[in-house]
Amino acid sequence: MSERFHTTIEWQGNSNVADRLIEQIPDTVSYTIEENPDYVKLLILVDADDMKLLREDVDRLLTLFSDYDE
């Protein structure tokens, strides 16, 4: 069995920002949403075949999100 590397990006805030962030998530990346009365929690699951690719994928997501977070 080959190695896989995984990490989770967790964000919480209002639903309007969550909707904008979700629009930026590529189809190849899994995510879940937990809605609470006061906020929304977005969990983005990133995995890759090696650590370098994982880091690149996380960096790419954070760069996309940086324009949409309040």
PDB file of N, CA and C in Angstrom:
ATOM      1  N   MET A   1       0.844  -1.189   0.000  1.00  0.00           N
ATOM      2  CA  MET A   1       0.000   0.000   0.000  1.00  0.00           C
ATOM      3  C   MET A   1       0.885   1.246   0.000  1.00  0.00           C
ATOM      4  N   SER A   2       0.582   2.184  -0.852  1.00  0.00           N
ATOM      5  CA  SER A   2       1.371   3.407  -0.919  1.00  0.00           C
ATOM      6  C   SER A   2       0.932   4.389   0.168  1.00  0.00           C
ATOM      7  N   GLU A   3       1.807   5.324   0.454  1.00  0.00           N
ATOM      8  CA  GLU A   3       1.503   6.336   1.468  1.00  0.00           C
ATOM      9  C   GLU A   3       0.547   7.384   0.921  1.00  0.00           C
ATOM     10  N   ARG A   4      -0.274   7.924   1.806  1.00  0.00           N
ATOM     11  CA  ARG A   4      -1.144   9.063   1.506  1.00  0.00           C
ATOM     12  C   ARG A   4      -0.957  10.056   2.634  1.00  0.00           C
ATOM     13  N   PHE A   5      -1.039  11.309   2.306  1.00  0.00           N
ATOM     14  CA  PHE A   5      -0.909  12.375   3.286  1.00  0.00           C
ATOM     15  C   PHE A   5      -2.223  13.138   3.329  1.00  0.00           C
ATOM     16  N   HIS A   6      -2.680  13.452   4.543  1.00  0.00           N
ATOM     17  CA  HIS A   6      -3.979  14.092   4.731  1.00  0.00           C
ATOM     18  C   HIS A   6      -3.857  15.254   5.704  1.00  0.00           C
ATOM     19  N   THR A   7      -4.672  16.258   5.485  1.00  0.00           N
ATOM     20  CA  THR A   7      -4.818  17.336   6.457  1.00  0.00           C
ATOM     21  C   THR A   7      -6.224  17.915   6.311  1.00  0.00           C
ATOM     22  N   THR A   8      -6.634  18.631   7.336  1.00  0.00           N
ATOM     23  CA  THR A   8      -7.945  19.272   7.325  1.00  0.00           C
ATOM     24  C   THR A   8      -7.774  20.757   7.588  1.00  0.00           C
ATOM     25  N   ILE A   9      -8.394  21.562   6.763  1.00  0.00           N
ATOM     26  CA  ILE A   9      -8.471  23.003   7.005  1.00  0.00           C
ATOM     27  C   ILE A   9      -9.829  23.252   7.633  1.00  0.00           C
ATOM     28  N   GLU A  10      -9.833  23.887   8.787  1.00  0.00           N
ATOM     29  CA  GLU A  10     -11.091  24.186   9.475  1.00  0.00           C
ATOM     30  C   GLU A  10     -11.279  25.693   9.528  1.00  0.00           C
ATOM     31  N   TRP A  11     -12.458  26.131   9.115  1.00  0.00           N
ATOM     32  CA  TRP A  11     -12.807  27.556   9.132  1.00  0.00           C
ATOM     33  C   TRP A  11     -14.181  27.688   9.765  1.00  0.00           C
ATOM     34  N   GLN A  12     -14.385  28.749  10.518  1.00  0.00           N
ATOM     35  CA  GLN A  12     -15.740  29.018  10.991  1.00  0.00           C
ATOM     36  C   GLN A  12     -16.027  30.501  10.915  1.00  0.00           C
ATOM     37  N   GLY A  13     -17.276  30.819  10.615  1.00  0.00           N
ATOM     38  CA  GLY A  13     -17.707  32.198  10.465  1.00  0.00           C
ATOM     39  C   GLY A  13     -19.147  32.226   9.983  1.00  0.00           C
ATOM     40  N   ASN A  14     -19.515  33.339   9.351  1.00  0.00           N
ATOM     41  CA  ASN A  14     -20.915  33.456   8.931  1.00  0.00           C
ATOM     42  C   ASN A  14     -21.164  32.716   7.613  1.00  0.00           C
ATOM     43  N   SER A  15     -22.419  32.422   7.366  1.00  0.00           N
ATOM     44  CA  SER A  15     -22.775  31.592   6.213  1.00  0.00           C
ATOM     45  C   SER A  15     -22.509  32.277   4.876  1.00  0.00           C
ATOM     46  N   ASN A  16     -22.569  33.598   4.828  1.00  0.00           N
ATOM     47  CA  ASN A  16     -22.299  34.298   3.568  1.00  0.00           C
ATOM     48  C   ASN A  16     -20.861  34.084   3.117  1.00  0.00           C
ATOM     49  N   VAL A  17     -19.928  34.204   4.047  1.00  0.00           N
ATOM     50  CA  VAL A  17     -18.519  33.976   3.708  1.00  0.00           C
ATOM     51  C   VAL A  17     -18.302  32.500   3.392  1.00  0.00           C
ATOM     52  N   ALA A  18     -18.937  31.615   4.144  1.00  0.00           N
ATOM     53  CA  ALA A  18     -18.804  30.176   3.887  1.00  0.00           C
ATOM     54  C   ALA A  18     -19.232  29.843   2.461  1.00  0.00           C
ATOM     55  N   ASP A  19     -20.323  30.416   2.020  1.00  0.00           N
ATOM     56  CA  ASP A  19     -20.790  30.173   0.650  1.00  0.00           C
ATOM     57  C   ASP A  19     -19.753  30.617  -0.377  1.00  0.00           C
ATOM     58  N   ARG A  20     -19.131  31.756  -0.144  1.00  0.00           N
ATOM     59  CA  ARG A  20     -18.097  32.244  -1.077  1.00  0.00           C
ATOM     60  C   ARG A  20     -16.871  31.337  -1.067  1.00  0.00           C
ATOM     61  N   LEU A  21     -16.494  30.845   0.118  1.00  0.00           N
ATOM     62  CA  LEU A  21     -15.346  29.943   0.201  1.00  0.00           C
ATOM     63  C   LEU A  21     -15.641  28.626  -0.509  1.00  0.00           C
ATOM     64  N   ILE A  22     -16.838  28.098  -0.309  1.00  0.00           N
ATOM     65  CA  ILE A  22     -17.213  26.827  -0.930  1.00  0.00           C
ATOM     66  C   ILE A  22     -17.149  26.922  -2.449  1.00  0.00           C
ATOM     67  N   GLU A  23     -17.516  28.054  -2.999  1.00  0.00           N
ATOM     68  CA  GLU A  23     -17.447  28.240  -4.454  1.00  0.00           C
ATOM     69  C   GLU A  23     -16.021  28.111  -4.976  1.00  0.00           C
ATOM     70  N   GLN A  24     -15.027  28.362  -4.125  1.00  0.00           N
ATOM     71  CA  GLN A  24     -13.627  28.313  -4.537  1.00  0.00           C
ATOM     72  C   GLN A  24     -13.009  26.917  -4.415  1.00  0.00           C
ATOM     73  N   ILE A  25     -13.677  26.012  -3.720  1.00  0.00           N
ATOM     74  CA  ILE A  25     -13.117  24.681  -3.494  1.00  0.00           C
ATOM     75  C   ILE A  25     -13.226  23.861  -4.783  1.00  0.00           C
ATOM     76  N   PRO A  26     -12.095  23.340  -5.276  1.00  0.00           N
ATOM     77  CA  PRO A  26     -12.143  22.518  -6.492  1.00  0.00           C
ATOM     78  C   PRO A  26     -12.993  21.262  -6.284  1.00  0.00           C
ATOM     79  N   ASP A  27     -13.538  20.738  -7.363  1.00  0.00           N
ATOM     80  CA  ASP A  27     -14.382  19.541  -7.300  1.00  0.00           C
ATOM     81  C   ASP A  27     -13.634  18.321  -6.759  1.00  0.00           C
ATOM     82  N   THR A  28     -12.321  18.331  -6.857  1.00  0.00           N
ATOM     83  CA  THR A  28     -11.520  17.187  -6.413  1.00  0.00           C
ATOM     84  C   THR A  28     -11.260  17.188  -4.906  1.00  0.00           C
ATOM     85  N   VAL A  29     -11.699  18.234  -4.214  1.00  0.00           N
ATOM     86  CA  VAL A  29     -11.457  18.362  -2.777  1.00  0.00           C
ATOM     87  C   VAL A  29     -12.776  18.159  -2.029  1.00  0.00           C
ATOM     88  N   SER A  30     -12.736  17.326  -0.994  1.00  0.00           N
ATOM     89  CA  SER A  30     -13.933  17.049  -0.192  1.00  0.00           C
ATOM     90  C   SER A  30     -14.065  18.064   0.934  1.00  0.00           C
ATOM     91  N   TYR A  31     -15.299  18.346   1.300  1.00  0.00           N
ATOM     92  CA  TYR A  31     -15.537  19.243   2.426  1.00  0.00           C
ATOM     93  C   TYR A  31     -16.866  18.888   3.078  1.00  0.00           C
ATOM     94  N   THR A  32     -17.009  19.311   4.321  1.00  0.00           N
ATOM     95  CA  THR A  32     -18.274  19.173   5.033  1.00  0.00           C
ATOM     96  C   THR A  32     -18.603  20.504   5.685  1.00  0.00           C
ATOM     97  N   ILE A  33     -19.886  20.695   5.943  1.00  0.00           N
ATOM     98  CA  ILE A  33     -20.365  21.924   6.576  1.00  0.00           C
ATOM     99  C   ILE A  33     -21.143  21.535   7.824  1.00  0.00           C
ATOM    100  N   GLU A  34     -20.848  22.217   8.919  1.00  0.00           N
ATOM    101  CA  GLU A  34     -21.619  22.062  10.151  1.00  0.00           C
ATOM    102  C   GLU A  34     -22.258  23.411  10.454  1.00  0.00           C
ATOM    103  N   GLU A  35     -23.576  23.443  10.476  1.00  0.00           N
ATOM    104  CA  GLU A  35     -24.283  24.697  10.744  1.00  0.00           C
ATOM    105  C   GLU A  35     -24.726  24.742  12.196  1.00  0.00           C
ATOM    106  N   ASN A  36     -24.401  25.831  12.868  1.00  0.00           N
ATOM    107  CA  ASN A  36     -24.795  26.088  14.243  1.00  0.00           C
ATOM    108  C   ASN A  36     -25.613  27.372  14.259  1.00  0.00           C
ATOM    109  N   PRO A  37     -26.320  27.657  15.333  1.00  0.00           N
ATOM    110  CA  PRO A  37     -27.118  28.885  15.382  1.00  0.00           C
ATOM    111  C   PRO A  37     -26.290  30.164  15.196  1.00  0.00           C
ATOM    112  N   ASP A  38     -25.058  30.158  15.676  1.00  0.00           N
ATOM    113  CA  ASP A  38     -24.246  31.375  15.649  1.00  0.00           C
ATOM    114  C   ASP A  38     -23.214  31.436  14.532  1.00  0.00           C
ATOM    115  N   TYR A  39     -22.868  30.292  13.945  1.00  0.00           N
ATOM    116  CA  TYR A  39     -21.820  30.273  12.930  1.00  0.00           C
ATOM    117  C   TYR A  39     -21.911  28.997  12.096  1.00  0.00           C
ATOM    118  N   VAL A  40     -21.137  28.974  11.029  1.00  0.00           N
ATOM    119  CA  VAL A  40     -20.992  27.801  10.170  1.00  0.00           C
ATOM    120  C   VAL A  40     -19.546  27.339  10.286  1.00  0.00           C
ATOM    121  N   LYS A  41     -19.353  26.032  10.381  1.00  0.00           N
ATOM    122  CA  LYS A  41     -17.999  25.474  10.393  1.00  0.00           C
ATOM    123  C   LYS A  41     -17.788  24.721   9.086  1.00  0.00           C
ATOM    124  N   LEU A  42     -16.712  25.055   8.400  1.00  0.00           N
ATOM    125  CA  LEU A  42     -16.358  24.433   7.134  1.00  0.00           C
ATOM    126  C   LEU A  42     -15.100  23.604   7.356  1.00  0.00           C
ATOM    127  N   LEU A  43     -15.173  22.317   7.053  1.00  0.00           N
ATOM    128  CA  LEU A  43     -14.038  21.405   7.170  1.00  0.00           C
ATOM    129  C   LEU A  43     -13.647  20.952   5.773  1.00  0.00           C
ATOM    130  N   ILE A  44     -12.427  21.270   5.375  1.00  0.00           N
ATOM    131  CA  ILE A  44     -11.945  20.949   4.038  1.00  0.00           C
ATOM    132  C   ILE A  44     -10.887  19.864   4.176  1.00  0.00           C
ATOM    133  N   LEU A  45     -11.112  18.739   3.517  1.00  0.00           N
ATOM    134  CA  LEU A  45     -10.243  17.577   3.628  1.00  0.00           C
ATOM    135  C   LEU A  45      -9.321  17.523   2.418  1.00  0.00           C
ATOM    136  N   VAL A  46      -8.029  17.632   2.672  1.00  0.00           N
ATOM    137  CA  VAL A  46      -7.048  17.662   1.591  1.00  0.00           C
ATOM    138  C   VAL A  46      -6.172  16.423   1.718  1.00  0.00           C
ATOM    139  N   ASP A  47      -5.983  15.700   0.616  1.00  0.00           N
ATOM    140  CA  ASP A  47      -5.045  14.584   0.643  1.00  0.00           C
ATOM    141  C   ASP A  47      -4.229  14.563  -0.640  1.00  0.00           C
ATOM    142  N   ALA A  48      -3.063  13.923  -0.545  1.00  0.00           N
ATOM    143  CA  ALA A  48      -2.145  13.885  -1.676  1.00  0.00           C
ATOM    144  C   ALA A  48      -1.236  12.669  -1.540  1.00  0.00           C
ATOM    145  N   ASP A  49      -0.530  12.372  -2.624  1.00  0.00           N
ATOM    146  CA  ASP A  49       0.386  11.232  -2.633  1.00  0.00           C
ATOM    147  C   ASP A  49       1.689  11.508  -1.897  1.00  0.00           C
ATOM    148  N   ASP A  50       2.071  12.766  -1.799  1.00  0.00           N
ATOM    149  CA  ASP A  50       3.297  13.090  -1.066  1.00  0.00           C
ATOM    150  C   ASP A  50       3.153  14.437  -0.365  1.00  0.00           C
ATOM    151  N   MET A  51       4.082  14.701   0.530  1.00  0.00           N
ATOM    152  CA  MET A  51       4.011  15.895   1.363  1.00  0.00           C
ATOM    153  C   MET A  51       4.105  17.180   0.537  1.00  0.00           C
ATOM    154  N   LYS A  52       4.919  17.168  -0.499  1.00  0.00           N
ATOM    155  CA  LYS A  52       5.064  18.365  -1.329  1.00  0.00           C
ATOM    156  C   LYS A  52       3.737  18.712  -2.016  1.00  0.00           C
ATOM    157  N   LEU A  53       3.081  17.721  -2.579  1.00  0.00           N
ATOM    158  CA  LEU A  53       1.791  17.969  -3.233  1.00  0.00           C
ATOM    159  C   LEU A  53       0.735  18.424  -2.236  1.00  0.00           C
ATOM    160  N   LEU A  54       0.764  17.851  -1.049  1.00  0.00           N
ATOM    161  CA  LEU A  54      -0.174  18.268  -0.009  1.00  0.00           C
ATOM    162  C   LEU A  54       0.021  19.742   0.321  1.00  0.00           C
ATOM    163  N   ARG A  55       1.267  20.127   0.521  1.00  0.00           N
ATOM    164  CA  ARG A  55       1.568  21.528   0.832  1.00  0.00           C
ATOM    165  C   ARG A  55       1.127  22.445  -0.306  1.00  0.00           C
ATOM    166  N   GLU A  56       1.384  22.053  -1.535  1.00  0.00           N
ATOM    167  CA  GLU A  56       0.983  22.869  -2.682  1.00  0.00           C
ATOM    168  C   GLU A  56      -0.537  23.015  -2.755  1.00  0.00           C
ATOM    169  N   ASP A  57      -1.250  21.930  -2.506  1.00  0.00           N
ATOM    170  CA  ASP A  57      -2.716  21.986  -2.543  1.00  0.00           C
ATOM    171  C   ASP A  57      -3.270  22.885  -1.441  1.00  0.00           C
ATOM    172  N   VAL A  58      -2.711  22.763  -0.235  1.00  0.00           N
ATOM    173  CA  VAL A  58      -3.154  23.609   0.877  1.00  0.00           C
ATOM    174  C   VAL A  58      -2.832  25.069   0.579  1.00  0.00           C
ATOM    175  N   ASP A  59      -1.628  25.336   0.092  1.00  0.00           N
ATOM    176  CA  ASP A  59      -1.252  26.716  -0.250  1.00  0.00           C
ATOM    177  C   ASP A  59      -2.188  27.298  -1.301  1.00  0.00           C
ATOM    178  N   ARG A  60      -2.534  26.496  -2.288  1.00  0.00           N
ATOM    179  CA  ARG A  60      -3.430  26.954  -3.362  1.00  0.00           C
ATOM    180  C   ARG A  60      -4.808  27.311  -2.789  1.00  0.00           C
ATOM    181  N   LEU A  61      -5.325  26.459  -1.921  1.00  0.00           N
ATOM    182  CA  LEU A  61      -6.624  26.737  -1.301  1.00  0.00           C
ATOM    183  C   LEU A  61      -6.579  28.000  -0.451  1.00  0.00           C
ATOM    184  N   LEU A  62      -5.552  28.137   0.357  1.00  0.00           N
ATOM    185  CA  LEU A  62      -5.455  29.317   1.217  1.00  0.00           C
ATOM    186  C   LEU A  62      -5.319  30.595   0.398  1.00  0.00           C
ATOM    187  N   THR A  63      -4.624  30.514  -0.717  1.00  0.00           N
ATOM    188  CA  THR A  63      -4.511  31.677  -1.600  1.00  0.00           C
ATOM    189  C   THR A  63      -5.878  32.036  -2.182  1.00  0.00           C
ATOM    190  N   LEU A  64      -6.626  31.033  -2.622  1.00  0.00           N
ATOM    191  CA  LEU A  64      -7.979  31.287  -3.139  1.00  0.00           C
ATOM    192  C   LEU A  64      -8.871  31.898  -2.069  1.00  0.00           C
ATOM    193  N   PHE A  65      -8.774  31.386  -0.853  1.00  0.00           N
ATOM    194  CA  PHE A  65      -9.631  31.848   0.238  1.00  0.00           C
ATOM    195  C   PHE A  65      -9.267  33.241   0.728  1.00  0.00           C
ATOM    196  N   SER A  66      -8.031  33.642   0.561  1.00  0.00           N
ATOM    197  CA  SER A  66      -7.585  34.915   1.143  1.00  0.00           C
ATOM    198  C   SER A  66      -8.364  36.112   0.604  1.00  0.00           C
ATOM    199  N   ASP A  67      -8.905  36.011  -0.579  1.00  0.00           N
ATOM    200  CA  ASP A  67      -9.685  37.110  -1.151  1.00  0.00           C
ATOM    201  C   ASP A  67     -11.134  37.130  -0.664  1.00  0.00           C
ATOM    202  N   TYR A  68     -11.582  36.051  -0.020  1.00  0.00           N
ATOM    203  CA  TYR A  68     -12.993  35.935   0.335  1.00  0.00           C
ATOM    204  C   TYR A  68     -13.271  35.980   1.822  1.00  0.00           C
ATOM    205  N   ASP A  69     -12.257  35.781   2.632  1.00  0.00           N
ATOM    206  CA  ASP A  69     -12.454  35.838   4.079  1.00  0.00           C
ATOM    207  C   ASP A  69     -12.564  37.295   4.497  1.00  0.00           C
ATOM    208  N   GLU A  70     -13.425  37.568   5.453  1.00  0.00           N
ATOM    209  CA  GLU A  70     -13.636  38.948   5.890  1.00  0.00           C
ATOM    210  C   GLU A  70     -12.425  39.494   6.601  1.00  0.00           C
TER     211      GLU A  70
END
